[in-house]
Each structure stands twice: as C-alpha cells, then as structure tokens.
Protein backbone atom coordinates (compact mmCIF):
# COMPACT_ATOMS: atom_id res chain seq x y z
CA MET A 1 -18.34 8.08 10.87
CA THR A 2 -20.22 11.33 10.39
CA ALA A 3 -19.34 14.27 8.31
CA ASP A 4 -19.58 16.93 11.09
CA LEU A 5 -19.22 19.65 8.51
CA THR A 6 -17.85 22.98 9.70
CA GLY A 7 -18.35 26.16 7.65
CA THR A 8 -15.36 28.21 6.82
CA LEU A 9 -14.70 31.27 4.64
CA GLY A 10 -13.92 29.11 1.65
CA GLY A 11 -16.92 26.79 2.15
CA PRO A 12 -17.42 23.69 4.28
CA THR A 13 -14.57 21.47 5.51
CA ILE A 14 -14.53 18.09 7.07
CA PRO A 15 -12.55 16.85 9.99
CA PHE A 16 -8.97 15.51 9.50
CA HIS A 17 -9.93 12.20 11.06
CA MET A 18 -11.06 11.01 7.70
CA ILE A 19 -7.57 9.71 7.19
CA ASP A 20 -7.64 7.71 10.47
CA PRO A 21 -7.66 4.01 9.61
CA ALA A 22 -10.09 3.31 12.37
CA VAL A 23 -12.93 5.12 10.56
CA HIS A 24 -12.63 3.08 7.36
CA PRO A 25 -12.85 -0.68 8.09
CA ASP A 26 -16.58 -1.09 7.58
CA PRO A 27 -17.56 -0.39 3.92
CA ASP A 28 -21.22 -0.04 5.03
CA ALA A 29 -20.47 2.97 7.26
CA CYS A 30 -21.78 5.10 4.46
CA ASP A 31 -23.59 8.05 6.11
CA THR A 32 -20.67 10.37 5.52
CA TRP A 33 -20.26 9.48 1.84
CA ARG A 34 -24.06 9.90 1.24
CA GLU A 35 -24.04 13.30 2.94
CA LEU A 36 -20.95 14.49 1.12
CA ARG A 37 -22.29 13.33 -2.37
CA GLU A 38 -25.58 15.06 -1.75
CA LYS A 39 -24.45 18.31 -0.10
CA HIS A 40 -20.67 18.81 -0.57
CA PRO A 41 -19.37 16.68 -3.42
CA VAL A 42 -16.04 18.62 -3.55
CA VAL A 43 -14.94 19.52 -0.04
CA ARG A 44 -11.79 20.52 1.79
CA CYS A 45 -10.30 18.59 4.66
CA GLU A 46 -7.89 20.67 6.83
CA SER A 47 -5.36 19.22 9.22
CA GLY A 48 -5.70 21.91 11.90
CA ASP A 49 -2.09 21.60 12.91
CA GLY A 50 -0.31 23.44 10.09
CA GLY A 51 0.10 20.29 8.01
CA PRO A 52 -1.29 19.85 4.45
CA GLY A 53 -4.97 19.53 3.88
CA PHE A 54 -6.58 17.87 0.85
CA TRP A 55 -9.69 17.93 -1.28
CA VAL A 56 -12.28 15.12 -1.06
CA VAL A 57 -14.28 14.29 -4.25
CA THR A 58 -17.18 11.88 -3.79
CA ARG A 59 -19.41 11.95 -6.88
CA TYR A 60 -18.88 9.42 -9.69
CA ARG A 61 -18.89 11.86 -12.61
CA ASP A 62 -16.42 14.22 -10.95
CA ILE A 63 -14.13 11.39 -10.05
CA ALA A 64 -14.21 9.93 -13.55
CA ALA A 65 -13.40 13.30 -15.02
CA VAL A 66 -10.40 13.77 -12.67
CA TYR A 67 -9.15 10.30 -13.54
CA ARG A 68 -9.11 11.27 -17.27
CA ASP A 69 -7.49 14.65 -16.68
CA THR A 70 -3.77 13.62 -16.47
CA ALA A 71 -2.70 17.02 -17.94
CA ARG A 72 -3.84 19.04 -14.90
CA LEU A 73 -3.98 16.38 -12.12
CA GLY A 74 -0.80 14.30 -11.86
CA SER A 75 0.21 11.09 -10.12
CA GLU A 76 3.95 11.59 -9.71
CA GLN A 77 3.75 12.99 -6.22
CA GLY A 78 1.92 9.71 -5.19
CA ASN A 79 -1.51 8.14 -5.34
CA MET A 80 -2.08 7.28 -1.70
CA LEU A 81 -3.24 9.99 0.74
CA GLY A 82 -0.83 8.80 3.48
CA THR A 83 2.11 9.17 1.08
CA LEU A 84 0.95 12.57 -0.29
CA LEU A 85 0.55 14.01 3.22
CA THR A 86 4.11 13.06 4.14
CA GLY A 87 5.95 14.62 1.18
CA GLY A 88 5.26 12.49 -1.80
CA ASP A 89 6.25 9.15 -3.32
CA SER A 90 9.95 8.55 -3.94
CA ALA A 91 9.01 6.17 -6.72
CA GLY A 92 7.28 9.04 -8.66
CA GLY A 93 8.19 8.98 -12.39
CA GLN A 94 9.63 5.43 -12.11
CA MET A 95 6.83 3.20 -11.06
CA LEU A 96 3.99 3.03 -13.57
CA VAL A 97 1.20 3.80 -11.19
CA VAL A 98 2.80 7.03 -10.03
CA THR A 99 4.14 8.13 -13.50
CA ASP A 100 2.40 10.61 -15.75
CA PRO A 101 2.27 10.71 -19.60
CA PRO A 102 4.19 10.53 -21.89
CA ARG A 103 6.48 8.15 -19.87
CA HIS A 104 3.46 6.35 -18.37
CA THR A 105 2.10 5.77 -21.89
CA ALA A 106 5.39 4.30 -23.14
CA VAL A 107 5.99 1.93 -20.21
CA ARG A 108 2.28 0.82 -20.17
CA ARG A 109 2.50 0.12 -23.94
CA MET A 110 5.61 -2.08 -23.28
CA LEU A 111 3.81 -4.03 -20.68
CA MET A 112 0.54 -4.58 -22.31
CA GLY A 113 1.71 -7.51 -24.36
CA ALA A 114 2.31 -9.45 -21.18
CA PHE A 115 -1.40 -9.13 -20.35
CA SER A 116 -2.70 -10.20 -23.75
CA ALA A 117 -5.18 -13.08 -23.91
CA ARG A 118 -2.45 -15.30 -25.50
CA ALA A 119 0.16 -14.40 -22.80
CA MET A 120 -2.43 -14.95 -20.06
CA ALA A 121 -3.54 -18.35 -21.26
CA PRO A 122 -1.03 -20.42 -19.19
CA VAL A 123 -1.52 -18.09 -16.17
CA VAL A 124 -5.29 -18.64 -16.34
CA ASP A 125 -4.84 -22.41 -16.53
CA SER A 126 -2.68 -22.36 -13.39
CA VAL A 127 -5.19 -20.18 -11.60
CA ARG A 128 -8.08 -22.47 -12.57
CA ASN A 129 -6.23 -25.62 -11.44
CA ALA A 130 -5.14 -24.08 -8.22
CA THR A 131 -8.56 -22.58 -7.43
CA ARG A 132 -10.24 -25.87 -7.98
CA SER A 133 -7.84 -27.52 -5.52
CA LEU A 134 -8.16 -24.71 -2.89
CA VAL A 135 -12.02 -24.85 -2.86
CA GLU A 136 -11.93 -28.67 -2.87
CA ALA A 137 -9.66 -28.59 0.25
CA LEU A 138 -11.89 -26.11 1.91
CA VAL A 139 -14.97 -28.32 1.38
CA GLU A 140 -13.13 -31.50 2.49
CA ALA A 141 -12.16 -29.65 5.68
CA GLY A 142 -15.78 -28.47 6.22
CA GLY A 143 -14.54 -24.90 6.21
CA GLY A 144 -11.72 -22.71 7.40
CA ASP A 145 -10.46 -19.12 7.05
CA PHE A 146 -11.67 -18.18 3.64
CA VAL A 147 -9.03 -15.36 3.33
CA ALA A 148 -6.03 -17.51 4.25
CA ASP A 149 -7.15 -20.69 2.64
CA VAL A 150 -8.60 -19.36 -0.65
CA ALA A 151 -8.71 -15.61 -1.32
CA ALA A 152 -5.04 -14.88 -0.43
CA GLN A 153 -3.74 -17.81 -2.47
CA ILE A 154 -5.39 -17.11 -5.78
CA PRO A 155 -3.82 -13.77 -6.79
CA LEU A 156 -0.47 -14.89 -5.43
CA ILE A 157 -0.38 -17.84 -7.78
CA ALA A 158 -1.36 -15.62 -10.74
CA ILE A 159 1.23 -13.00 -10.04
CA CYS A 160 3.99 -15.47 -9.30
CA GLU A 161 3.24 -17.12 -12.65
CA LEU A 162 3.40 -13.79 -14.39
CA LEU A 163 6.70 -12.90 -12.71
CA ALA A 164 8.05 -16.46 -12.85
CA VAL A 165 8.72 -16.59 -9.13
CA PRO A 166 10.13 -20.05 -8.28
CA PRO A 167 7.57 -22.20 -6.45
CA ALA A 168 9.88 -22.61 -3.39
CA ASP A 169 9.71 -18.78 -2.85
CA ARG A 170 6.04 -18.33 -3.15
CA ALA A 171 4.97 -18.83 0.45
CA ALA A 172 7.53 -16.19 1.57
CA MET A 173 6.23 -13.87 -1.19
CA LEU A 174 2.65 -14.14 0.13
CA GLU A 175 3.88 -13.32 3.62
CA MET A 176 5.83 -10.29 2.41
CA THR A 177 3.06 -9.04 0.23
CA MET A 178 0.39 -9.21 3.01
CA ALA A 179 2.81 -7.47 5.47
CA ALA A 180 3.57 -4.74 2.88
CA LEU A 181 -0.09 -3.84 2.71
CA GLY A 182 -0.86 -4.49 6.32
CA ALA A 183 -2.74 -2.37 8.84
CA GLU A 184 -1.89 1.19 9.53
CA ASP A 185 -3.13 1.29 13.09
CA SER A 186 0.18 1.28 14.90
CA ARG A 187 3.77 2.41 14.53
CA GLU A 188 4.88 -1.22 14.71
CA SER A 189 2.55 -2.33 11.80
CA ARG A 190 3.80 0.60 9.68
CA GLU A 191 7.42 -0.35 10.37
CA GLU A 192 6.68 -3.98 9.47
CA ALA A 193 5.05 -2.87 6.18
CA ALA A 194 8.17 -0.80 5.34
CA ARG A 195 10.45 -3.80 6.04
CA ALA A 196 8.30 -6.02 3.87
CA GLN A 197 8.37 -3.57 1.03
CA HIS A 198 12.19 -3.37 1.24
CA GLU A 199 12.37 -7.17 1.29
CA ILE A 200 10.29 -7.45 -1.90
CA LEU A 201 12.52 -4.99 -3.71
CA LEU A 202 15.60 -6.91 -2.56
CA TYR A 203 14.04 -10.19 -3.71
CA TYR A 204 13.54 -8.90 -7.27
CA ALA A 205 17.03 -7.29 -7.30
CA GLY A 206 18.28 -10.90 -6.70
CA LEU A 207 16.29 -12.15 -9.69
CA LEU A 208 17.22 -9.32 -12.06
CA PRO A 209 20.78 -10.36 -13.17
CA GLY A 210 19.68 -13.91 -14.12
CA ARG A 211 16.70 -12.64 -16.12
CA ARG A 212 18.89 -10.10 -18.06
CA LYS A 213 21.34 -12.93 -18.83
CA ALA A 214 18.77 -15.55 -19.78
CA PRO A 215 15.39 -13.85 -20.30
CA GLY A 216 12.18 -15.81 -20.38
CA GLU A 217 8.61 -14.81 -21.24
CA ASP A 218 7.83 -13.44 -17.71
CA ILE A 219 7.29 -9.82 -16.81
CA VAL A 220 10.53 -9.52 -14.90
CA SER A 221 12.44 -10.50 -18.13
CA LEU A 222 10.18 -8.12 -20.19
CA LEU A 223 10.98 -5.20 -17.85
CA ALA A 224 14.65 -6.10 -17.68
CA THR A 225 15.16 -6.30 -21.45
CA GLY A 226 12.45 -4.27 -23.08
CA GLU A 227 12.44 -0.62 -24.12
CA ALA A 228 10.00 2.26 -23.60
CA ASP A 229 10.28 4.69 -26.50
CA GLY A 230 13.66 3.14 -27.38
CA VAL A 231 15.09 3.55 -23.86
CA ARG A 232 15.84 0.68 -21.48
CA LEU A 233 14.37 0.89 -18.04
CA SER A 234 16.78 1.65 -15.20
CA ASP A 235 17.30 -0.97 -12.52
CA ALA A 236 15.17 1.16 -10.25
CA GLU A 237 12.31 1.30 -12.67
CA VAL A 238 12.41 -2.54 -13.16
CA LEU A 239 12.39 -3.25 -9.51
CA LEU A 240 9.67 -0.71 -8.66
CA ASN A 241 7.43 -1.97 -11.41
CA CYS A 242 7.94 -5.57 -10.22
CA TYR A 243 6.88 -4.34 -6.81
CA ASN A 244 3.93 -2.45 -8.30
CA ILE A 245 2.67 -5.53 -10.25
CA ILE A 246 2.79 -7.95 -7.30
CA ILE A 247 1.26 -5.57 -4.84
CA GLY A 248 -1.33 -4.18 -7.22
CA GLY A 249 -2.16 -7.62 -8.56
CA ASP A 250 -2.66 -9.05 -5.10
CA GLU A 251 -4.84 -6.50 -3.33
CA THR A 252 -7.89 -6.18 -5.56
CA THR A 253 -8.47 -9.85 -6.14
CA ARG A 254 -7.68 -10.98 -2.53
CA LEU A 255 -9.98 -8.42 -0.97
CA SER A 256 -12.71 -8.80 -3.59
CA SER A 257 -12.62 -12.64 -3.40
CA ALA A 258 -13.02 -12.55 0.40
CA GLY A 259 -15.65 -9.87 0.01
CA ALA A 260 -17.49 -11.99 -2.50
CA ALA A 261 -17.75 -14.93 -0.02
CA LEU A 262 -18.96 -12.58 2.71
CA ALA A 263 -21.49 -10.84 0.52
CA LEU A 264 -22.93 -14.18 -0.68
CA MET A 265 -23.26 -15.32 2.92
CA GLU A 266 -24.93 -12.11 3.94
CA HIS A 267 -27.26 -12.36 0.90
CA PRO A 268 -28.21 -16.01 0.67
CA GLU A 269 -30.80 -15.39 -2.00
CA GLN A 270 -27.98 -14.13 -4.27
CA TRP A 271 -25.91 -17.18 -3.48
CA GLU A 272 -28.84 -19.38 -4.48
CA ARG A 273 -29.31 -17.46 -7.70
CA LEU A 274 -25.65 -17.88 -8.57
CA ARG A 275 -25.76 -21.66 -7.82
CA GLN A 276 -28.77 -22.04 -10.05
CA ASP A 277 -27.69 -19.88 -13.01
CA GLU A 278 -24.23 -20.04 -14.49
CA GLY A 279 -25.08 -17.10 -16.76
CA LEU A 280 -24.89 -14.81 -13.74
CA LEU A 281 -21.11 -15.38 -13.32
CA ASP A 282 -19.99 -12.37 -15.42
CA PRO A 283 -22.40 -9.77 -13.93
CA ALA A 284 -21.66 -11.28 -10.46
CA VAL A 285 -17.95 -10.48 -10.98
CA GLU A 286 -18.69 -6.85 -11.71
CA GLU A 287 -21.10 -6.56 -8.77
CA VAL A 288 -18.56 -8.02 -6.43
CA LEU A 289 -15.98 -5.49 -7.66
CA ARG A 290 -18.39 -2.66 -7.13
CA TRP A 291 -19.68 -3.88 -3.80
CA THR A 292 -16.30 -4.50 -2.28
CA THR A 293 -14.25 -1.53 -3.79
CA PRO A 294 -11.01 -2.68 -2.19
CA VAL A 295 -9.10 0.56 -2.95
CA THR A 296 -11.04 3.24 -1.05
CA HIS A 297 -9.36 6.17 -2.72
CA ILE A 298 -6.77 7.37 -5.20
CA GLY A 299 -4.81 10.58 -4.83
CA ARG A 300 -3.80 13.16 -7.34
CA THR A 301 -1.92 16.44 -7.24
CA ALA A 302 -3.14 19.52 -9.11
CA THR A 303 -0.40 20.80 -11.42
CA VAL A 304 -2.26 24.11 -12.18
CA ASP A 305 -5.16 26.00 -10.66
CA ILE A 306 -8.45 24.41 -11.58
CA GLU A 307 -12.14 24.62 -10.73
CA LEU A 308 -14.16 21.49 -9.84
CA ARG A 309 -17.86 22.23 -9.46
CA ASP A 310 -17.78 25.55 -7.59
CA ARG A 311 -14.57 25.01 -5.72
CA ARG A 312 -11.18 26.54 -6.63
CA ILE A 313 -8.32 24.04 -6.38
CA SER A 314 -4.87 25.54 -6.41
CA ALA A 315 -1.73 24.18 -8.05
CA ASP A 316 0.03 21.64 -5.71
CA ASP A 317 -3.14 20.90 -3.77
CA ILE A 318 -3.88 17.19 -2.97
CA VAL A 319 -7.05 15.84 -4.50
CA THR A 320 -8.50 12.53 -3.32
CA LEU A 321 -10.95 10.49 -5.33
CA TRP A 322 -13.09 8.25 -3.18
CA ASN A 323 -13.99 5.19 -5.24
CA ILE A 324 -15.88 3.77 -2.25
CA SER A 325 -18.33 6.64 -2.54
CA ALA A 326 -18.48 6.75 -6.37
CA ASN A 327 -19.52 3.10 -6.47
CA ARG A 328 -22.61 3.89 -4.37
CA ASP A 329 -23.64 7.05 -6.32
CA ALA A 330 -27.36 6.87 -6.99
CA GLU A 331 -26.94 9.07 -10.04
CA ILE A 332 -25.11 6.14 -11.70
CA PHE A 333 -26.39 3.02 -9.88
CA GLU A 334 -29.98 2.20 -9.22
CA ASP A 335 -30.59 1.22 -5.67
CA PRO A 336 -26.78 1.33 -4.97
CA TYR A 337 -26.90 -0.15 -1.49
CA ARG A 338 -28.42 -3.38 -2.77
CA PHE A 339 -26.12 -6.31 -3.66
CA ASP A 340 -27.49 -7.63 -7.00
CA ILE A 341 -25.44 -10.16 -8.96
CA SER A 342 -27.50 -9.49 -12.08
CA ARG A 343 -26.90 -5.68 -12.00
CA THR A 344 -26.28 -4.27 -15.52
CA PRO A 345 -24.89 -1.95 -16.62
CA ASN A 346 -22.26 -1.79 -13.92
CA ARG A 347 -19.60 0.77 -14.76
CA HIS A 348 -17.94 0.80 -11.39
CA LEU A 349 -14.60 2.54 -10.72
CA THR A 350 -13.04 -0.30 -8.70
CA LEU A 351 -10.29 -0.83 -11.33
CA GLY A 352 -9.88 2.80 -12.04
CA HIS A 353 -10.64 4.87 -15.16
CA GLY A 354 -8.93 6.51 -18.03
CA PRO A 355 -5.16 6.20 -18.71
CA HIS A 356 -4.44 4.61 -15.34
CA PHE A 357 -7.09 1.89 -15.62
CA CYS A 358 -5.66 -1.11 -13.89
CA LEU A 359 -3.36 -2.97 -16.31
CA GLY A 360 -4.12 -6.31 -14.65
CA GLY A 361 -7.85 -5.67 -14.53
CA PRO A 362 -8.69 -8.42 -17.04
CA LEU A 363 -6.70 -10.93 -15.01
CA ALA A 364 -8.45 -9.77 -11.82
CA ARG A 365 -11.75 -10.42 -13.49
CA VAL A 366 -10.71 -13.82 -14.61
CA GLU A 367 -9.40 -14.80 -11.16
CA LEU A 368 -12.65 -13.73 -9.50
CA ARG A 369 -14.84 -15.50 -12.02
CA VAL A 370 -12.93 -18.75 -11.64
CA MET A 371 -13.30 -18.58 -7.94
CA LEU A 372 -17.06 -17.98 -8.22
CA GLU A 373 -17.25 -20.85 -10.75
CA GLU A 374 -15.62 -23.22 -8.27
CA LEU A 375 -17.73 -22.11 -5.36
CA ARG A 376 -21.00 -22.73 -7.25
CA ARG A 377 -19.73 -26.01 -8.65
CA GLN A 378 -18.32 -27.50 -5.42
CA VAL A 379 -20.10 -25.78 -2.46
CA GLY A 380 -23.64 -26.28 -1.22
CA GLU A 381 -24.03 -24.59 2.20
CA LEU A 382 -21.76 -21.61 2.98
CA GLU A 383 -22.05 -19.88 6.24
CA PRO A 384 -20.02 -17.82 8.72
CA ALA A 385 -18.28 -19.73 11.46
CA GLY A 386 -16.86 -16.88 13.60
CA PRO A 387 -16.26 -13.17 13.88
CA VAL A 388 -15.17 -11.37 10.67
CA GLU A 389 -12.03 -9.25 10.96
CA ARG A 390 -11.55 -6.22 8.69
CA MET A 391 -8.44 -4.38 7.66
CA ALA A 392 -7.73 -1.11 9.46
CA SER A 393 -6.55 1.11 6.55
CA SER A 394 -7.56 4.36 4.92
CA PHE A 395 -6.40 3.05 1.55
CA LEU A 396 -7.69 -0.51 1.43
CA THR A 397 -10.91 -1.93 2.69
CA GLY A 398 -11.90 -5.52 3.10
CA VAL A 399 -11.89 -8.65 5.12
CA SER A 400 -8.57 -9.91 6.70
CA ARG A 401 -10.09 -12.98 8.38
CA LEU A 402 -13.32 -14.86 7.40
CA PRO A 403 -14.08 -18.07 9.18
CA VAL A 404 -16.55 -20.15 7.22
CA ARG A 405 -18.40 -23.58 7.37
CA CYS A 406 -19.24 -25.18 4.11
CA SER A 407 -20.53 -28.36 2.72
CA ALA A 408 -20.26 -30.13 -0.67
CA GLY A 409 -22.83 -29.18 -3.29
CA SER A 410 -25.22 -31.72 -4.73
C-alpha cells in the first residue's frame, strides 16, 4: 500500500482505504508506514462519503505519549477502528480494555492477583507440559500446519486453565475464539464473528451461577465474587471481562507464536543462533513480539481539544495508534527492519503501554518462551511446506495457516 497523500486546507490526508483489511495482511508492506513516520507522523484520514474520519499516529514517542494520556484520550468509545467508525463499543465502561480510570484502575487491581507468579505457576506447568507434547507430535508427524497444531493450542490451554473451562469444552472454545477474531473481508465472515462472540458470552453466562455458588481460584470465580472499590461487578461486567480475557489472551500469543516459526524459517541464521545458545531465549521472545506486532493498532477518542505535534485534534475525534509502525521506528530501534533475536534494548509496544498495558503480558511472554524452548530442544530442521496464508484484518496481523516440515534435533 502507498500513502498517496493529498493536500488539504488542514494539512495532508490519507485515503480511507487504510481501513480495508486487504491492505494489511503483509506486515512487511511498510512503505506507507515509513513515509508517514518521516513526513506526516500525525495525519488525518477522511472517509469522503460523509462518514467519520480519524487521525493516524505512526511515531513511537507520540504513540507512547497518547497511551499514557488517559485523561484526554479515552477508551470507552472503543479501541478498534472498525468499532469506533460504526458508533462505538457497547461494552464501554464495562469491559476492562474499553474502560477508563478510575473504574479501569479498580477492576484491574482486582484482577492483578490472578496474574501473579504464584497464581500463574500451575498454569505455566500446564502450558509447558502441553507445549512439549504438541511439538513432539509435530516432529513425529514430520510437520503439519504450525498454526492449527501448535500456535493455536498453546494460548487456549493457558486461558482455559485461568478460567477453569472444563476440558470437554476446550475444542469448542478454540473454534469460537478463532471465529470471533476471524477475517473481515466479507459480510459472511463478519456475521460469523458476531455469532461466535455471542456464543462465547452465552457460554460464560452458563458457568456464572455455579462459580458464584461454589467459587474456585479461577478468574471467572474472582470476577463473579470479587469487588472493585467495594462494589460487586454486574453480570454484564463479569461476562464481558471473561470474553476480554479469552480473546485478548489468545490473539497475541497465537499470532506471535506462528510468526515466530515463520520468522525463524525466513532467517535460518537466527534459528541456528537460537538452537546453539539458550541464553538468547529471553531477547528472542521480545524480538518476536516486536517483529510480529499482532495488534496493528489501538483506537482512542479525544475527550477535549488537544494538539499533537502541529495538528489540532478536536474533542470526539478518533485517534488511531499504529503499533505496527511504532515497532519499526528507526528513532527507537536500530536497523528496525532486521530480525535480530539478540536485540537489546527492545521496548516494543506490542503489549501496549501505560495504564492499559496488557494484563496478561507476562503470561504471553512465558507461553512464547516455552514454545521457543521446545522448538530448540526438539526440532532440527524447520522449513516451509506450502503457501503461507495471512489474516485479512485491519486490527490483527499474522499467519492463519503455516505448513511446515520438520525433523528431530540431534
């Protein structure tokens, strides 16, 4: 995609087709982001048909500043461009990710205990055991679809452990979750996503009475019985936050895990470095997160008139923060278009920044590290075995199908 910037009285604008899912599937289609960062780091995108436009912010430092500024740039109208352009998010003020302080602070504080190292220990054990078996099965089969066979399974296991989803329901939960975040390229796929979202909410509505009656140590029980600033969460808040956790917990790890395998195959010298040096696991996790950037953007709504660089943003304007651009900003990252598993420092924005930093970020890092550990321990040769398929989405970017061949390591 190219910027095709057009001058207007208020400065340059970019074509509305930026929201078209078809222009986003390849994360290396980066000419637009580079041009915008260098020439127009804060730029307006107009619809041209009377619909709402939005601001596009592409430089790392500007994006980090907006993430921190919850007083003037709110989340309650929604955090996805598609939602913001169609009137806002009905879950605003109830689901953590689209709630502003002080309520956001209170609910987040209530949930943080569920993500402590002590609480995570049994979840991590389950993830480690399952990942070892998944990679072992892939090697024994000589390969397969890395997304379906490995990457999609790991976060599902972790989130289902956190929420205490019965094992018999987990395959159906994976199917619903993937459908809920499916492609945006047709009316049918959007309708399927809406049905899946509704089914997930109904599923947790079915679990809620039992967890209130006999609570356990899982997050559903915590939400159902806990208090935020002395106030119990409503049923709607419980269900929406269950939905938020399973969707949010799935997407980053699934897409980053698949992207890790693809990046290592595309950069065999980095794969060999990882196989030879266990000490590279932690920086490799951060580089995979930066390189893949599964969530392309996050949306905010200005609550007052503000200025960002030399542009005046009016109250109620939509502001989009393009993580996929920030994570390639040469002001922050040396040689940003190079995949380097030893890169340090690596302060990417993949997991967000500021008060809305991903609550499950530490778990996502553990899941990715465990997967890389098992790959380097069990796999020797790893190579593509067919065409790679990518998601068609303006919100998520990554691999939806990744055929691979692999052999056992020595």
